[in-house]
Amino acid sequence: MPSLDAGGAERFILDLIRNLDQNLFSPTLVLFSHGGFFEAAARQAGIDLIILRKRFKFDPINFFKLYRVVKKLKPDIVHTQLGGDIYGRLAARMLAVPVIVSTEQNVQIGESGLIRCLKTWTAKFAAKIVAISQAVKADALKRYGLPETKMELIYNGLETGKFLLTEPRPKSDKIIFGSVGRLTAQKNYSLLIEALAELKDYNWELRLVGEGELRGDLERRTSELGLTGRVKLLGLRADIKGFLAGLDIFVLPSLWEGLGLALLEAGLAALPVLASRVDGIREVIRDGQTGILFNSNDRPDLVVKLKQIMASSAKPELSILGKNLQATVQARFDIKIIAKQYQDLYLNLLSAK
């Protein structure tokens, strides 16, 4: 995979490695470019890391570095993630690695034609392509022309005990909205800021954790709308549980999501969630039962839902939504359940060889 930069997929991969049965598996994590935000956590957990240090986005020398690493390790399984699929699958195929597995972590919006062709070609080398949601599975089947038998559905998960919050939140007249995610076009935070700008008469604050290429644009728009001091871009933060403990409502206005690990973290914190009505999110949030959905990229609808929330912020209905989501995440997305599914997949594929 490319790196351990701050992101839900990267954190999931660390959690997965930590929760594999170490009596059965001896994993090595190979990173193409650099360690990133989670490198220290990986080393603290005792994960064997190899960093190739690529020089630019498409660095052919990195392929030969990876080839040498795989040749030296002689693995039984190569599992590729994120931007590691093309080089990883090709190197593993050339070296006759018994089992190749890949995971599709998101709906691939804006993928170039060249990358799509290369991923379609190298996907033939994989025994299984894991999709983290039904939405991602449907996208991969269509995009890469994969047969149904090539795909496996395994949701991402997380260590539920790390984010579980049961203590009541401090009372305040101000409603604190918040989100965790990269500051990119996908997350659509500009829509949320524009919608809240229409509700200046309400007593609210927005807190965003994350970094990305749109930080400057969001800062400028916040200033133009006169929201400086009410919209806070907090950058990267390790203590996500502490951040969530200070929120009243978690908002995820994404244009698309494979699943949304931040959504699961908010659920464990028993936070009421307001999210866009897109496929990956709808596999977690049932409107009116485990959260509130608004039509994707629809500012008027988002404004209406924000008004409803602020008008009923002290009512028990919102608390019930948060508790329902917490129960859902604990039951369906615990990393121990997910790691067991991956272990079974690995062992079944190996036994078939």
Protein backbone atom coordinates (compact mmCIF):
# COMPACT_ATOMS: atom_id res chain seq x y z
CA MET A 1 0.00 0.00 0.00
CA PRO A 2 1.19 3.60 -0.50
CA SER A 3 1.61 4.86 3.07
CA LEU A 4 0.10 5.09 6.54
CA ASP A 5 -1.22 8.61 6.10
CA ALA A 6 -4.19 9.65 8.25
CA GLY A 7 -7.28 7.94 6.87
CA GLY A 8 -9.92 5.38 7.70
CA ALA A 9 -8.57 2.69 5.37
CA GLU A 10 -5.04 3.05 6.73
CA ARG A 11 -6.24 2.79 10.32
CA PHE A 12 -8.35 -0.26 9.46
CA ILE A 13 -5.37 -2.04 7.92
CA LEU A 14 -3.36 -1.53 11.12
CA ASP A 15 -6.24 -2.82 13.22
CA LEU A 16 -6.62 -5.84 10.92
CA ILE A 17 -2.93 -6.76 11.19
CA ARG A 18 -3.02 -6.39 14.98
CA ASN A 19 -6.02 -8.69 15.24
CA LEU A 20 -4.88 -11.53 12.99
CA ASP A 21 -3.97 -14.74 14.82
CA GLN A 22 -0.20 -14.42 15.20
CA ASN A 23 0.07 -18.20 15.56
CA LEU A 24 -1.23 -18.54 12.01
CA PHE A 25 0.07 -15.43 10.26
CA SER A 26 3.31 -13.45 10.25
CA PRO A 27 2.44 -10.26 8.35
CA THR A 28 4.85 -7.73 6.84
CA LEU A 29 3.49 -4.35 5.77
CA VAL A 30 5.19 -2.87 2.68
CA LEU A 31 4.72 0.86 2.08
CA PHE A 32 5.58 2.48 -1.24
CA SER A 33 6.32 6.06 -0.23
CA HIS A 34 6.58 6.90 3.48
CA GLY A 35 5.35 5.94 6.90
CA GLY A 36 2.88 8.74 7.51
CA PHE A 37 0.61 9.60 10.42
CA PHE A 38 0.20 6.02 11.68
CA GLU A 39 3.83 4.88 11.29
CA ALA A 40 4.61 5.36 14.98
CA ALA A 41 1.49 3.40 15.96
CA ALA A 42 2.48 0.59 13.61
CA ARG A 43 5.98 0.37 15.06
CA GLN A 44 4.65 0.56 18.61
CA ALA A 45 2.38 -2.39 17.80
CA GLY A 46 5.40 -4.37 16.64
CA ILE A 47 4.29 -4.55 13.01
CA ASP A 48 7.10 -5.44 10.60
CA LEU A 49 7.39 -2.44 8.24
CA ILE A 50 9.29 -2.09 4.97
CA ILE A 51 9.27 1.38 3.36
CA LEU A 52 10.37 1.60 -0.30
CA ARG A 53 10.60 5.43 -0.50
CA LYS A 54 9.26 6.05 -4.00
CA ARG A 55 10.35 9.32 -5.63
CA PHE A 56 7.18 10.29 -7.50
CA LYS A 57 3.63 9.05 -8.09
CA PHE A 58 4.42 6.50 -10.81
CA ASP A 59 7.95 5.40 -9.98
CA PRO A 60 8.93 2.32 -12.03
CA ILE A 61 11.99 1.80 -9.84
CA ASN A 62 9.58 1.17 -6.97
CA PHE A 63 8.22 -1.85 -8.82
CA PHE A 64 11.67 -3.43 -8.92
CA LYS A 65 12.17 -2.61 -5.24
CA LEU A 66 8.88 -4.32 -4.46
CA TYR A 67 9.79 -7.28 -6.66
CA ARG A 68 13.01 -7.79 -4.69
CA VAL A 69 11.15 -7.54 -1.38
CA VAL A 70 8.54 -10.11 -2.39
CA LYS A 71 11.24 -12.40 -3.77
CA LYS A 72 13.13 -12.21 -0.47
CA LEU A 73 10.07 -12.68 1.77
CA LYS A 74 8.63 -15.62 -0.22
CA PRO A 75 5.12 -15.00 1.16
CA ASP A 76 2.23 -17.43 0.92
CA ILE A 77 -0.18 -14.51 0.50
CA VAL A 78 0.18 -11.04 -0.96
CA HIS A 79 -2.68 -8.73 0.01
CA THR A 80 -2.72 -5.40 -1.86
CA GLN A 81 -4.50 -2.26 -0.70
CA LEU A 82 -5.27 1.21 -2.06
CA GLY A 83 -2.61 2.31 -4.56
CA GLY A 84 -0.64 -0.92 -4.16
CA ASP A 85 -2.82 -3.05 -6.41
CA ILE A 86 -1.09 -2.79 -9.78
CA TYR A 87 2.54 -3.20 -8.70
CA GLY A 88 1.65 -5.62 -5.93
CA ARG A 89 -0.43 -7.99 -8.03
CA LEU A 90 2.06 -7.94 -10.91
CA ALA A 91 5.09 -8.65 -8.70
CA ALA A 92 3.26 -11.42 -6.86
CA ARG A 93 2.16 -13.00 -10.13
CA MET A 94 5.66 -12.90 -11.62
CA LEU A 95 7.03 -14.58 -8.49
CA ALA A 96 4.29 -17.23 -8.38
CA VAL A 97 2.97 -16.23 -4.96
CA PRO A 98 0.33 -18.87 -4.13
CA VAL A 99 -2.48 -16.47 -3.15
CA ILE A 100 -3.08 -12.87 -4.21
CA VAL A 101 -5.87 -10.87 -2.52
CA SER A 102 -6.82 -7.24 -3.03
CA THR A 103 -9.25 -4.96 -1.21
CA GLU A 104 -11.28 -2.23 -2.90
CA GLN A 105 -11.68 0.47 -0.25
CA ASN A 106 -13.87 2.99 -2.08
CA VAL A 107 -16.09 3.74 -5.02
CA GLN A 108 -13.59 4.84 -7.67
CA ILE A 109 -14.75 8.27 -8.80
CA GLY A 110 -12.37 10.08 -11.16
CA GLU A 111 -10.07 7.12 -11.80
CA SER A 112 -8.01 7.61 -14.98
CA GLY A 113 -8.49 5.37 -17.99
CA LEU A 114 -4.92 4.08 -17.76
CA ILE A 115 -5.22 3.11 -14.10
CA ARG A 116 -8.56 1.47 -14.78
CA CYS A 117 -7.06 -0.62 -17.61
CA LEU A 118 -4.06 -1.66 -15.51
CA LYS A 119 -6.24 -2.58 -12.54
CA THR A 120 -8.59 -4.55 -14.80
CA TRP A 121 -5.63 -6.46 -16.26
CA THR A 122 -3.92 -7.22 -12.94
CA ALA A 123 -7.21 -8.09 -11.21
CA LYS A 124 -7.07 -11.35 -13.18
CA PHE A 125 -4.08 -12.36 -11.05
CA ALA A 126 -6.01 -12.10 -7.77
CA ALA A 127 -7.79 -15.08 -6.28
CA LYS A 128 -10.26 -12.71 -4.61
CA ILE A 129 -11.08 -9.02 -4.66
CA VAL A 130 -12.59 -7.96 -1.33
CA ALA A 131 -15.13 -5.13 -1.36
CA ILE A 132 -15.76 -3.26 1.90
CA SER A 133 -19.44 -2.65 1.13
CA GLN A 134 -22.17 -3.58 -1.33
CA ALA A 135 -21.69 -0.18 -2.96
CA VAL A 136 -17.99 -0.82 -3.55
CA LYS A 137 -18.72 -4.34 -4.80
CA ALA A 138 -21.24 -3.09 -7.36
CA ASP A 139 -18.82 -0.40 -8.53
CA ALA A 140 -15.92 -2.85 -8.91
CA LEU A 141 -18.01 -5.40 -10.79
CA LYS A 142 -19.08 -2.76 -13.28
CA ARG A 143 -15.83 -0.82 -13.54
CA TYR A 144 -13.42 -3.73 -13.96
CA GLY A 145 -15.76 -6.27 -15.55
CA LEU A 146 -15.11 -8.78 -12.79
CA PRO A 147 -17.11 -11.99 -12.43
CA GLU A 148 -19.25 -12.26 -9.31
CA THR A 149 -17.20 -15.26 -8.15
CA LYS A 150 -14.06 -13.09 -8.01
CA MET A 151 -15.58 -10.78 -5.38
CA GLU A 152 -15.89 -11.19 -1.62
CA LEU A 153 -17.82 -8.84 0.67
CA ILE A 154 -16.08 -8.08 3.98
CA TYR A 155 -16.93 -4.83 5.70
CA ASN A 156 -14.22 -2.75 7.32
CA GLY A 157 -14.26 -2.75 11.09
CA LEU A 158 -12.60 -1.17 14.08
CA GLU A 159 -11.57 -1.89 17.65
CA THR A 160 -14.90 -1.00 19.22
CA GLY A 161 -13.59 -0.63 22.75
CA LYS A 162 -11.34 2.27 21.72
CA PHE A 163 -14.21 4.57 20.76
CA LEU A 164 -17.04 3.43 23.00
CA LEU A 165 -18.49 6.37 24.92
CA THR A 166 -21.12 5.88 27.59
CA GLU A 167 -20.70 9.02 29.72
CA PRO A 168 -23.29 11.80 29.23
CA ARG A 169 -22.04 14.83 27.31
CA PRO A 170 -21.67 18.16 29.09
CA LYS A 171 -24.73 20.39 28.79
CA SER A 172 -24.36 23.49 26.64
CA ASP A 173 -26.59 25.99 24.87
CA LYS A 174 -24.33 25.76 21.82
CA ILE A 175 -24.80 22.87 19.40
CA ILE A 176 -21.43 21.41 18.38
CA PHE A 177 -21.36 19.81 14.93
CA GLY A 178 -18.25 17.93 13.87
CA SER A 179 -16.68 15.57 11.38
CA VAL A 180 -13.49 13.61 10.78
CA GLY A 181 -12.08 13.20 7.28
CA ARG A 182 -9.71 14.39 4.61
CA LEU A 183 -10.35 17.91 3.37
CA THR A 184 -11.07 16.78 -0.19
CA ALA A 185 -13.84 17.17 -2.74
CA GLN A 186 -15.25 13.76 -1.78
CA LYS A 187 -16.08 14.84 1.77
CA ASN A 188 -17.98 17.93 0.51
CA TYR A 189 -17.40 20.03 3.63
CA SER A 190 -17.96 23.18 1.56
CA LEU A 191 -21.64 22.21 1.29
CA LEU A 192 -21.91 21.89 5.07
CA ILE A 193 -20.28 25.29 5.64
CA GLU A 194 -22.55 26.93 3.05
CA ALA A 195 -25.63 25.37 4.67
CA LEU A 196 -24.64 26.47 8.18
CA ALA A 197 -24.05 29.99 6.85
CA GLU A 198 -27.81 30.18 6.27
CA LEU A 199 -28.36 29.46 9.96
CA LYS A 200 -26.30 32.21 11.58
CA ASP A 201 -29.11 33.04 14.00
CA TYR A 202 -28.73 29.63 15.64
CA ASN A 203 -26.10 28.99 18.31
CA TRP A 204 -23.79 26.46 16.69
CA GLU A 205 -20.13 25.63 16.11
CA LEU A 206 -18.52 23.35 13.50
CA ARG A 207 -15.31 21.42 14.20
CA LEU A 208 -13.47 19.53 11.47
CA VAL A 209 -10.56 17.15 12.07
CA GLY A 210 -8.40 16.33 9.06
CA GLU A 211 -6.07 17.75 6.45
CA GLY A 212 -6.17 17.90 2.67
CA GLU A 213 -5.74 19.95 -0.46
CA LEU A 214 -8.93 21.96 0.10
CA ARG A 215 -7.94 23.39 3.47
CA GLY A 216 -7.08 26.80 1.99
CA ASP A 217 -10.34 26.95 0.02
CA LEU A 218 -12.37 26.09 3.12
CA GLU A 219 -10.57 28.71 5.20
CA ARG A 220 -11.18 31.38 2.56
CA ARG A 221 -14.86 30.51 2.18
CA THR A 222 -15.33 30.46 5.95
CA SER A 223 -13.91 33.98 6.14
CA GLU A 224 -16.03 35.23 3.21
CA LEU A 225 -19.18 33.94 4.89
CA GLY A 226 -18.32 35.63 8.19
CA LEU A 227 -17.98 32.32 10.03
CA THR A 228 -14.45 32.73 11.38
CA GLY A 229 -14.54 31.54 14.97
CA ARG A 230 -17.59 29.35 14.39
CA VAL A 231 -15.96 26.97 11.88
CA LYS A 232 -12.77 25.43 13.28
CA LEU A 233 -10.36 23.43 11.13
CA LEU A 234 -8.39 21.49 13.72
CA GLY A 235 -5.94 19.61 11.49
CA LEU A 236 -4.86 16.06 12.26
CA ARG A 237 -5.59 14.69 15.70
CA ALA A 238 -4.66 11.38 17.30
CA ASP A 239 -7.30 11.48 20.05
CA ILE A 240 -10.42 10.94 17.94
CA LYS A 241 -12.34 9.55 20.91
CA GLY A 242 -11.70 12.76 22.85
CA PHE A 243 -12.75 14.84 19.86
CA LEU A 244 -16.02 12.91 19.45
CA ALA A 245 -16.76 13.30 23.16
CA GLY A 246 -17.02 17.06 22.61
CA LEU A 247 -19.60 16.87 19.81
CA ASP A 248 -23.39 16.91 19.83
CA ILE A 249 -23.92 15.88 16.20
CA PHE A 250 -21.63 14.11 13.72
CA VAL A 251 -22.05 15.19 10.10
CA LEU A 252 -20.80 13.36 7.00
CA PRO A 253 -21.81 15.25 3.83
CA SER A 254 -19.79 13.09 1.40
CA LEU A 255 -20.51 12.95 -2.32
CA TRP A 256 -19.60 9.26 -2.21
CA GLU A 257 -18.35 6.77 0.39
CA GLY A 258 -17.18 3.19 0.25
CA LEU A 259 -18.36 2.82 3.84
CA GLY A 260 -16.98 5.59 6.05
CA LEU A 261 -14.96 4.42 9.05
CA ALA A 262 -15.44 7.80 10.73
CA LEU A 263 -19.15 7.05 10.65
CA LEU A 264 -18.55 3.87 12.64
CA GLU A 265 -16.41 5.75 15.18
CA ALA A 266 -19.20 8.29 15.64
CA GLY A 267 -21.63 5.42 16.13
CA LEU A 268 -19.53 3.91 18.90
CA ALA A 269 -19.56 7.31 20.58
CA ALA A 270 -23.39 7.11 20.44
CA LEU A 271 -23.50 10.37 18.50
CA PRO A 272 -26.55 11.27 16.43
CA VAL A 273 -25.40 11.25 12.79
CA LEU A 274 -26.50 13.45 9.89
CA ALA A 275 -25.15 12.09 6.60
CA SER A 276 -25.66 12.23 2.87
CA ARG A 277 -27.91 9.67 1.21
CA VAL A 278 -25.21 7.82 -0.77
CA ASP A 279 -24.81 4.08 -1.18
CA GLY A 280 -21.98 3.22 1.21
CA ILE A 281 -23.46 5.32 4.00
CA ARG A 282 -26.91 3.81 3.52
CA GLU A 283 -25.49 0.39 4.41
CA VAL A 284 -24.86 1.73 7.93
CA ILE A 285 -27.44 4.48 8.43
CA ARG A 286 -31.15 3.71 8.22
CA ASP A 287 -32.94 7.03 8.01
CA GLY A 288 -34.90 7.75 11.18
CA GLN A 289 -33.59 4.63 12.93
CA THR A 290 -29.81 4.87 13.22
CA GLY A 291 -29.35 8.41 11.90
CA ILE A 292 -30.69 11.13 9.64
CA LEU A 293 -30.03 11.27 5.89
CA PHE A 294 -30.23 14.22 3.51
CA ASN A 295 -30.18 14.12 -0.28
CA SER A 296 -26.62 14.12 -1.59
CA ASN A 297 -25.23 17.57 -2.47
CA ASP A 298 -28.66 19.12 -1.83
CA ARG A 299 -28.06 22.27 0.22
CA PRO A 300 -31.76 23.16 0.78
CA ASP A 301 -32.45 19.67 2.11
CA LEU A 302 -29.37 19.84 4.33
CA VAL A 303 -30.50 23.22 5.71
CA VAL A 304 -33.92 21.75 6.53
CA LYS A 305 -32.35 18.79 8.36
CA LEU A 306 -29.96 21.06 10.27
CA LYS A 307 -32.88 23.23 11.38
CA GLN A 308 -34.80 20.18 12.54
CA ILE A 309 -31.81 18.96 14.54
CA MET A 310 -31.20 22.33 16.19
CA ALA A 311 -34.88 22.66 17.04
CA SER A 312 -34.87 19.24 18.72
CA SER A 313 -31.30 19.06 20.02
CA ALA A 314 -32.42 18.39 23.60
CA LYS A 315 -35.10 15.85 22.67
CA PRO A 316 -34.62 12.13 23.38
CA GLU A 317 -35.19 11.16 19.72
CA LEU A 318 -31.67 12.22 18.78
CA SER A 319 -30.17 10.31 21.69
CA ILE A 320 -32.06 7.19 20.63
CA LEU A 321 -30.62 7.44 17.11
CA GLY A 322 -27.11 7.54 18.56
CA LYS A 323 -27.72 4.56 20.83
CA ASN A 324 -29.23 2.55 17.97
CA LEU A 325 -26.21 3.25 15.79
CA GLN A 326 -23.86 2.31 18.63
CA ALA A 327 -25.56 -1.08 18.95
CA THR A 328 -25.39 -1.61 15.18
CA VAL A 329 -21.66 -0.88 15.00
CA GLN A 330 -20.88 -3.13 17.97
CA ALA A 331 -22.82 -6.01 16.45
CA ARG A 332 -21.65 -5.75 12.81
CA PHE A 333 -18.31 -3.97 12.62
CA ASP A 334 -16.11 -5.17 15.48
CA ILE A 335 -12.58 -5.80 14.19
CA LYS A 336 -12.46 -9.25 15.81
CA ILE A 337 -15.40 -10.33 13.64
CA ILE A 338 -13.84 -8.79 10.53
CA ALA A 339 -10.36 -10.23 11.20
CA LYS A 340 -11.87 -13.71 11.55
CA GLN A 341 -13.55 -13.30 8.15
CA TYR A 342 -10.21 -12.35 6.57
CA GLN A 343 -8.45 -15.26 8.30
CA ASP A 344 -11.04 -17.69 6.97
CA LEU A 345 -10.66 -16.23 3.48
CA TYR A 346 -6.86 -16.53 3.56
CA LEU A 347 -6.93 -20.11 4.83
CA ASN A 348 -9.63 -21.23 2.40
CA LEU A 349 -7.72 -19.80 -0.56
CA LEU A 350 -4.48 -21.43 0.59
CA SER A 351 -6.15 -24.80 1.10
CA ALA A 352 -7.54 -24.64 -2.44
CA LYS A 353 -4.01 -24.46 -3.89
